[in-house]
Amino acid sequence: MVHHRRGLRRLLKDDSLAQAIEEDWRSAPLSQKRTAMLEYVTKLTVTPSEITAVDVETLRDVGFSDRDVLDIVEVTAYYAYANRIADGLGISTESWISD
């Protein structure tokens, strides 16, 4: 989604990194911590029933606190929820978001 891409660029303040993430985050020059987070949220999004305590421990091992893990899960779950509602209702959010 275009508005997510703009938000990523704004938050990172690094257009080349944002572009690399957009193209393929797995090959982007990310820290071990960011890579672990993205691996986790991908698994949580695609195969949530396969998340285990080992996945959470992996996040802790790279420096995320329990509060950080909670934030990661809540944000991931919220986006999944909001997107499913929009998709289920056939709503396109792009048309009302300004450049």
N, C-alpha and C. Protein backbone atom coordinates (compact mmCIF):
# COMPACT_ATOMS: atom_id res chain seq x y z
N MET A 1 0.84 -1.17 0.00
CA MET A 1 0.00 0.00 0.00
C MET A 1 0.88 1.23 0.00
N VAL A 2 0.49 2.17 -0.81
CA VAL A 2 1.29 3.37 -1.00
C VAL A 2 1.50 4.13 0.31
N HIS A 3 0.47 4.28 1.12
CA HIS A 3 0.62 5.07 2.34
C HIS A 3 1.55 4.40 3.34
N HIS A 4 1.63 3.07 3.35
CA HIS A 4 2.58 2.39 4.23
C HIS A 4 4.01 2.65 3.75
N ARG A 5 4.19 2.65 2.45
CA ARG A 5 5.51 2.91 1.88
C ARG A 5 5.99 4.31 2.26
N ARG A 6 5.10 5.29 2.14
CA ARG A 6 5.47 6.66 2.51
C ARG A 6 5.80 6.75 3.99
N GLY A 7 5.03 6.07 4.82
CA GLY A 7 5.29 6.08 6.26
C GLY A 7 6.63 5.46 6.59
N LEU A 8 6.97 4.37 5.92
CA LEU A 8 8.26 3.71 6.13
C LEU A 8 9.40 4.65 5.78
N ARG A 9 9.29 5.31 4.65
CA ARG A 9 10.35 6.25 4.23
C ARG A 9 10.48 7.40 5.23
N ARG A 10 9.35 7.90 5.70
CA ARG A 10 9.37 9.02 6.65
C ARG A 10 10.01 8.59 7.97
N LEU A 11 9.68 7.41 8.47
CA LEU A 11 10.21 6.95 9.75
C LEU A 11 11.68 6.59 9.68
N LEU A 12 12.09 5.95 8.59
CA LEU A 12 13.49 5.54 8.47
C LEU A 12 14.43 6.70 8.16
N LYS A 13 13.91 7.69 7.45
CA LYS A 13 14.74 8.81 6.99
C LYS A 13 15.93 8.30 6.17
N ASP A 14 15.68 7.23 5.41
CA ASP A 14 16.71 6.60 4.59
C ASP A 14 16.01 5.96 3.39
N ASP A 15 15.94 6.73 2.29
CA ASP A 15 15.21 6.25 1.12
C ASP A 15 15.77 4.97 0.54
N SER A 16 17.10 4.84 0.54
CA SER A 16 17.68 3.63 -0.06
C SER A 16 17.35 2.39 0.79
N LEU A 17 17.35 2.52 2.10
CA LEU A 17 16.98 1.40 2.96
C LEU A 17 15.50 1.07 2.79
N ALA A 18 14.67 2.09 2.74
CA ALA A 18 13.24 1.85 2.54
C ALA A 18 13.00 1.13 1.21
N GLN A 19 13.70 1.55 0.17
CA GLN A 19 13.57 0.90 -1.14
C GLN A 19 14.01 -0.56 -1.07
N ALA A 20 15.11 -0.82 -0.39
CA ALA A 20 15.61 -2.20 -0.25
C ALA A 20 14.61 -3.06 0.51
N ILE A 21 13.99 -2.50 1.54
CA ILE A 21 12.99 -3.24 2.31
C ILE A 21 11.77 -3.53 1.44
N GLU A 22 11.34 -2.53 0.67
CA GLU A 22 10.19 -2.71 -0.21
C GLU A 22 10.45 -3.81 -1.24
N GLU A 23 11.65 -3.86 -1.77
CA GLU A 23 11.98 -4.84 -2.81
C GLU A 23 12.10 -6.25 -2.24
N ASP A 24 12.80 -6.39 -1.13
CA ASP A 24 12.97 -7.71 -0.49
C ASP A 24 13.65 -7.50 0.85
N TRP A 25 12.85 -7.42 1.91
CA TRP A 25 13.42 -7.10 3.22
C TRP A 25 14.44 -8.14 3.67
N ARG A 26 14.32 -9.37 3.18
CA ARG A 26 15.27 -10.42 3.60
C ARG A 26 16.69 -10.16 3.08
N SER A 27 16.81 -9.42 2.01
CA SER A 27 18.15 -9.12 1.49
C SER A 27 18.55 -7.67 1.77
N ALA A 28 17.70 -6.92 2.46
CA ALA A 28 18.01 -5.53 2.81
C ALA A 28 19.06 -5.49 3.92
N PRO A 29 19.86 -4.43 3.95
CA PRO A 29 20.90 -4.32 4.98
C PRO A 29 20.32 -3.91 6.34
N LEU A 30 19.67 -4.86 6.99
CA LEU A 30 19.04 -4.61 8.28
C LEU A 30 19.87 -5.20 9.41
N SER A 31 19.70 -4.64 10.59
CA SER A 31 20.36 -5.19 11.77
C SER A 31 19.76 -6.56 12.10
N GLN A 32 20.49 -7.31 12.89
CA GLN A 32 20.01 -8.62 13.33
C GLN A 32 18.68 -8.47 14.09
N LYS A 33 18.58 -7.41 14.86
CA LYS A 33 17.37 -7.17 15.65
C LYS A 33 16.16 -6.92 14.75
N ARG A 34 16.33 -6.05 13.75
CA ARG A 34 15.21 -5.78 12.83
C ARG A 34 14.85 -7.01 12.01
N THR A 35 15.86 -7.75 11.58
CA THR A 35 15.60 -8.96 10.81
C THR A 35 14.81 -9.97 11.64
N ALA A 36 15.20 -10.15 12.89
CA ALA A 36 14.48 -11.08 13.78
C ALA A 36 13.03 -10.64 13.95
N MET A 37 12.82 -9.34 14.11
CA MET A 37 11.46 -8.82 14.27
C MET A 37 10.64 -9.10 13.02
N LEU A 38 11.21 -8.84 11.85
CA LEU A 38 10.47 -9.05 10.61
C LEU A 38 10.19 -10.53 10.35
N GLU A 39 11.14 -11.38 10.70
CA GLU A 39 10.90 -12.83 10.59
C GLU A 39 9.72 -13.23 11.49
N TYR A 40 9.72 -12.70 12.70
CA TYR A 40 8.66 -13.01 13.66
C TYR A 40 7.30 -12.53 13.16
N VAL A 41 7.22 -11.27 12.72
CA VAL A 41 5.91 -10.75 12.30
C VAL A 41 5.42 -11.42 11.02
N THR A 42 6.35 -11.84 10.19
CA THR A 42 5.94 -12.60 9.00
C THR A 42 5.30 -13.92 9.41
N LYS A 43 5.95 -14.61 10.33
CA LYS A 43 5.40 -15.89 10.81
C LYS A 43 4.07 -15.67 11.52
N LEU A 44 3.99 -14.63 12.34
CA LEU A 44 2.76 -14.32 13.06
C LEU A 44 1.62 -14.00 12.10
N THR A 45 1.93 -13.38 10.99
CA THR A 45 0.93 -13.01 10.00
C THR A 45 0.52 -14.19 9.12
N VAL A 46 1.49 -14.95 8.66
CA VAL A 46 1.23 -16.01 7.69
C VAL A 46 0.81 -17.32 8.34
N THR A 47 1.49 -17.68 9.42
CA THR A 47 1.21 -18.96 10.09
C THR A 47 1.17 -18.77 11.60
N PRO A 48 0.19 -18.02 12.10
CA PRO A 48 0.16 -17.69 13.53
C PRO A 48 0.11 -18.89 14.45
N SER A 49 -0.49 -19.97 14.02
CA SER A 49 -0.58 -21.15 14.89
C SER A 49 0.77 -21.83 15.09
N GLU A 50 1.76 -21.44 14.31
CA GLU A 50 3.09 -22.03 14.44
C GLU A 50 4.04 -21.24 15.35
N ILE A 51 3.57 -20.12 15.88
CA ILE A 51 4.39 -19.34 16.82
C ILE A 51 4.55 -20.14 18.10
N THR A 52 5.78 -20.19 18.61
CA THR A 52 6.07 -20.91 19.85
C THR A 52 6.88 -20.01 20.78
N ALA A 53 7.12 -20.51 21.97
CA ALA A 53 7.95 -19.78 22.93
C ALA A 53 9.36 -19.56 22.39
N VAL A 54 9.82 -20.46 21.54
CA VAL A 54 11.15 -20.31 20.93
C VAL A 54 11.21 -19.04 20.08
N ASP A 55 10.13 -18.74 19.37
CA ASP A 55 10.08 -17.53 18.55
C ASP A 55 10.18 -16.27 19.42
N VAL A 56 9.48 -16.28 20.53
CA VAL A 56 9.53 -15.15 21.45
C VAL A 56 10.93 -15.04 22.06
N GLU A 57 11.51 -16.15 22.41
CA GLU A 57 12.86 -16.15 22.99
C GLU A 57 13.89 -15.62 21.99
N THR A 58 13.69 -15.90 20.72
CA THR A 58 14.58 -15.37 19.69
C THR A 58 14.56 -13.84 19.70
N LEU A 59 13.39 -13.26 19.89
CA LEU A 59 13.30 -11.80 19.98
C LEU A 59 14.02 -11.29 21.22
N ARG A 60 13.84 -11.96 22.32
CA ARG A 60 14.54 -11.56 23.55
C ARG A 60 16.06 -11.66 23.37
N ASP A 61 16.50 -12.70 22.68
CA ASP A 61 17.94 -12.92 22.48
C ASP A 61 18.61 -11.81 21.69
N VAL A 62 17.84 -11.12 20.83
CA VAL A 62 18.44 -10.02 20.06
C VAL A 62 18.21 -8.66 20.71
N GLY A 63 17.61 -8.67 21.91
CA GLY A 63 17.52 -7.43 22.67
C GLY A 63 16.14 -6.84 22.88
N PHE A 64 15.10 -7.52 22.45
CA PHE A 64 13.76 -7.01 22.70
C PHE A 64 13.32 -7.39 24.11
N SER A 65 12.72 -6.43 24.80
CA SER A 65 12.16 -6.69 26.13
C SER A 65 10.79 -7.35 25.97
N ASP A 66 10.24 -7.83 27.07
CA ASP A 66 8.90 -8.40 27.02
C ASP A 66 7.89 -7.35 26.56
N ARG A 67 8.07 -6.11 27.00
CA ARG A 67 7.18 -5.03 26.56
C ARG A 67 7.31 -4.80 25.06
N ASP A 68 8.55 -4.85 24.55
CA ASP A 68 8.77 -4.71 23.11
C ASP A 68 8.03 -5.80 22.34
N VAL A 69 8.14 -7.03 22.83
CA VAL A 69 7.48 -8.16 22.16
C VAL A 69 5.96 -7.94 22.17
N LEU A 70 5.43 -7.49 23.28
CA LEU A 70 4.00 -7.20 23.35
C LEU A 70 3.62 -6.14 22.32
N ASP A 71 4.41 -5.08 22.22
CA ASP A 71 4.14 -4.03 21.24
C ASP A 71 4.18 -4.58 19.81
N ILE A 72 5.16 -5.41 19.52
CA ILE A 72 5.30 -6.02 18.19
C ILE A 72 4.06 -6.85 17.87
N VAL A 73 3.63 -7.66 18.82
CA VAL A 73 2.46 -8.52 18.61
C VAL A 73 1.20 -7.67 18.44
N GLU A 74 1.03 -6.66 19.29
CA GLU A 74 -0.18 -5.83 19.21
C GLU A 74 -0.27 -5.08 17.89
N VAL A 75 0.83 -4.51 17.44
CA VAL A 75 0.81 -3.77 16.17
C VAL A 75 0.54 -4.72 15.01
N THR A 76 1.20 -5.87 15.02
CA THR A 76 0.99 -6.86 13.96
C THR A 76 -0.47 -7.32 13.94
N ALA A 77 -1.01 -7.62 15.09
CA ALA A 77 -2.39 -8.09 15.18
C ALA A 77 -3.37 -7.00 14.75
N TYR A 78 -3.09 -5.76 15.14
CA TYR A 78 -3.98 -4.66 14.77
C TYR A 78 -4.03 -4.49 13.25
N TYR A 79 -2.86 -4.51 12.62
CA TYR A 79 -2.84 -4.35 11.16
C TYR A 79 -3.56 -5.51 10.47
N ALA A 80 -3.38 -6.71 10.96
CA ALA A 80 -4.08 -7.86 10.38
C ALA A 80 -5.59 -7.68 10.53
N TYR A 81 -6.01 -7.25 11.70
CA TYR A 81 -7.43 -7.01 11.98
C TYR A 81 -8.00 -5.94 11.06
N ALA A 82 -7.35 -4.79 11.02
CA ALA A 82 -7.84 -3.67 10.22
C ALA A 82 -7.86 -4.01 8.74
N ASN A 83 -6.83 -4.68 8.26
CA ASN A 83 -6.79 -5.04 6.85
C ASN A 83 -7.86 -6.06 6.49
N ARG A 84 -8.13 -7.00 7.38
CA ARG A 84 -9.17 -7.99 7.10
C ARG A 84 -10.56 -7.35 7.08
N ILE A 85 -10.78 -6.38 7.94
CA ILE A 85 -12.05 -5.66 7.90
C ILE A 85 -12.18 -4.92 6.57
N ALA A 86 -11.15 -4.18 6.20
CA ALA A 86 -11.19 -3.43 4.94
C ALA A 86 -11.37 -4.38 3.75
N ASP A 87 -10.61 -5.46 3.73
CA ASP A 87 -10.72 -6.44 2.64
C ASP A 87 -12.11 -7.09 2.62
N GLY A 88 -12.60 -7.44 3.80
CA GLY A 88 -13.90 -8.09 3.89
C GLY A 88 -15.06 -7.22 3.44
N LEU A 89 -14.88 -5.92 3.56
CA LEU A 89 -15.91 -4.98 3.13
C LEU A 89 -15.65 -4.42 1.74
N GLY A 90 -14.53 -4.84 1.15
CA GLY A 90 -14.20 -4.35 -0.19
C GLY A 90 -13.80 -2.89 -0.21
N ILE A 91 -13.24 -2.43 0.90
CA ILE A 91 -12.86 -1.02 1.02
C ILE A 91 -11.43 -0.82 0.51
N SER A 92 -11.26 0.18 -0.34
CA SER A 92 -9.93 0.56 -0.79
C SER A 92 -9.52 1.81 -0.04
N THR A 93 -8.47 1.71 0.75
CA THR A 93 -8.05 2.87 1.55
C THR A 93 -7.22 3.86 0.75
N GLU A 94 -6.66 3.41 -0.35
CA GLU A 94 -5.75 4.27 -1.11
C GLU A 94 -6.44 5.53 -1.63
N SER A 95 -7.69 5.45 -2.00
CA SER A 95 -8.35 6.58 -2.66
C SER A 95 -8.53 7.79 -1.75
N TRP A 96 -8.62 7.60 -0.46
CA TRP A 96 -8.85 8.73 0.44
C TRP A 96 -7.60 9.21 1.16
N ILE A 97 -6.46 8.61 0.87
CA ILE A 97 -5.21 9.03 1.50
C ILE A 97 -4.48 9.95 0.55
N SER A 98 -4.20 11.17 1.01
CA SER A 98 -3.55 12.15 0.14
C SER A 98 -2.06 11.90 0.05
N ASP A 99 -1.49 12.38 -1.04
CA ASP A 99 -0.05 12.28 -1.22
C ASP A 99 0.61 13.28 -0.33
